[in-house]
Protein backbone atom coordinates (compact mmCIF):
# COMPACT_ATOMS: atom_id res chain seq x y z
CA PHE A 1 84.89 52.89 117.96
CA PRO A 2 81.35 52.35 116.75
CA PRO A 3 79.79 54.96 114.44
CA GLN A 4 78.15 57.78 116.31
CA ASP A 5 74.51 58.64 116.17
CA SER A 6 73.89 61.85 114.22
CA ASP A 7 71.91 63.24 117.18
CA THR A 8 75.00 63.21 119.40
CA THR A 9 77.65 64.49 116.96
CA ILE A 10 78.93 68.04 117.08
CA PRO A 11 79.46 69.78 113.73
CA ILE A 12 83.02 70.94 114.55
CA ASP A 13 83.92 71.91 110.98
CA GLU A 14 80.83 74.08 110.60
CA THR A 15 81.43 75.68 113.98
CA LEU A 16 85.07 76.43 113.14
CA GLN A 17 84.08 77.93 109.78
CA PHE A 18 81.42 80.05 111.48
CA ASN A 19 83.93 81.23 114.09
CA GLU A 20 86.46 82.11 111.39
CA SER A 21 83.80 84.03 109.49
CA LEU A 22 82.91 85.98 112.62
CA GLN A 23 86.57 86.80 113.25
CA ASN A 24 86.96 87.99 109.64
CA ALA A 25 83.88 90.16 110.00
CA HIS A 26 85.24 91.57 113.27
CA ARG A 27 88.58 92.39 111.61
CA GLY A 28 86.74 93.98 108.70
CA MET A 29 84.72 96.18 111.04
CA ASP A 30 87.89 97.20 112.89
CA ASP A 31 89.47 98.17 109.56
CA LEU A 32 86.36 100.10 108.58
CA ILE A 33 86.30 102.00 111.88
CA GLY A 34 90.02 102.74 111.53
CA SER A 35 89.51 104.10 108.02
CA GLY A 36 86.61 106.25 109.19
CA THR A 37 88.73 107.62 112.03
CA HIS A 38 91.52 108.57 109.62
CA ILE A 39 89.04 110.22 107.25
CA LEU A 40 87.51 112.27 110.07
CA GLN A 41 90.96 113.35 111.28
CA GLY A 42 91.83 114.41 107.73
CA LEU A 43 88.64 116.47 107.52
CA ARG A 44 89.42 118.12 110.87
CA ASP A 45 92.89 119.02 109.63
CA GLN A 46 91.43 120.48 106.43
CA ARG A 47 88.95 122.51 108.47
CA VAL A 48 91.77 124.04 110.52
CA THR A 49 93.70 124.85 107.33
CA LEU A 50 90.66 126.41 105.67
CA LYS A 51 89.82 128.46 108.76
CA GLY A 52 93.37 129.83 108.77
CA THR A 53 93.18 130.62 105.07
CA HIS A 54 89.80 132.31 105.52
CA LYS A 55 91.18 134.48 108.31
CA LYS A 56 94.17 135.52 106.19
CA ILE A 57 91.90 136.41 103.26
CA LEU A 58 89.72 138.53 105.56
CA ASP A 59 92.82 140.26 106.94
CA VAL A 60 94.03 141.09 103.43
CA ALA A 61 90.57 142.31 102.42
CA ASN A 62 90.44 144.56 105.49
CA MET A 63 93.89 145.96 104.72
CA LEU A 64 92.84 146.77 101.15
CA GLY A 65 89.64 148.38 102.33
């Protein structure tokens, strides 16, 4: 095969590297969103626990007068 003109070649290696970088970024964003979801769920759970504790403290305070 004769050498190809640079105007007609496709930079496959660069395209593959770019695609891999995009996939890595996509995975990273998925991981970040997953972590944020877990953090928010943990905060919701803590809120429920604190609300229950607050109610119990108010009940004890009312009992004591």
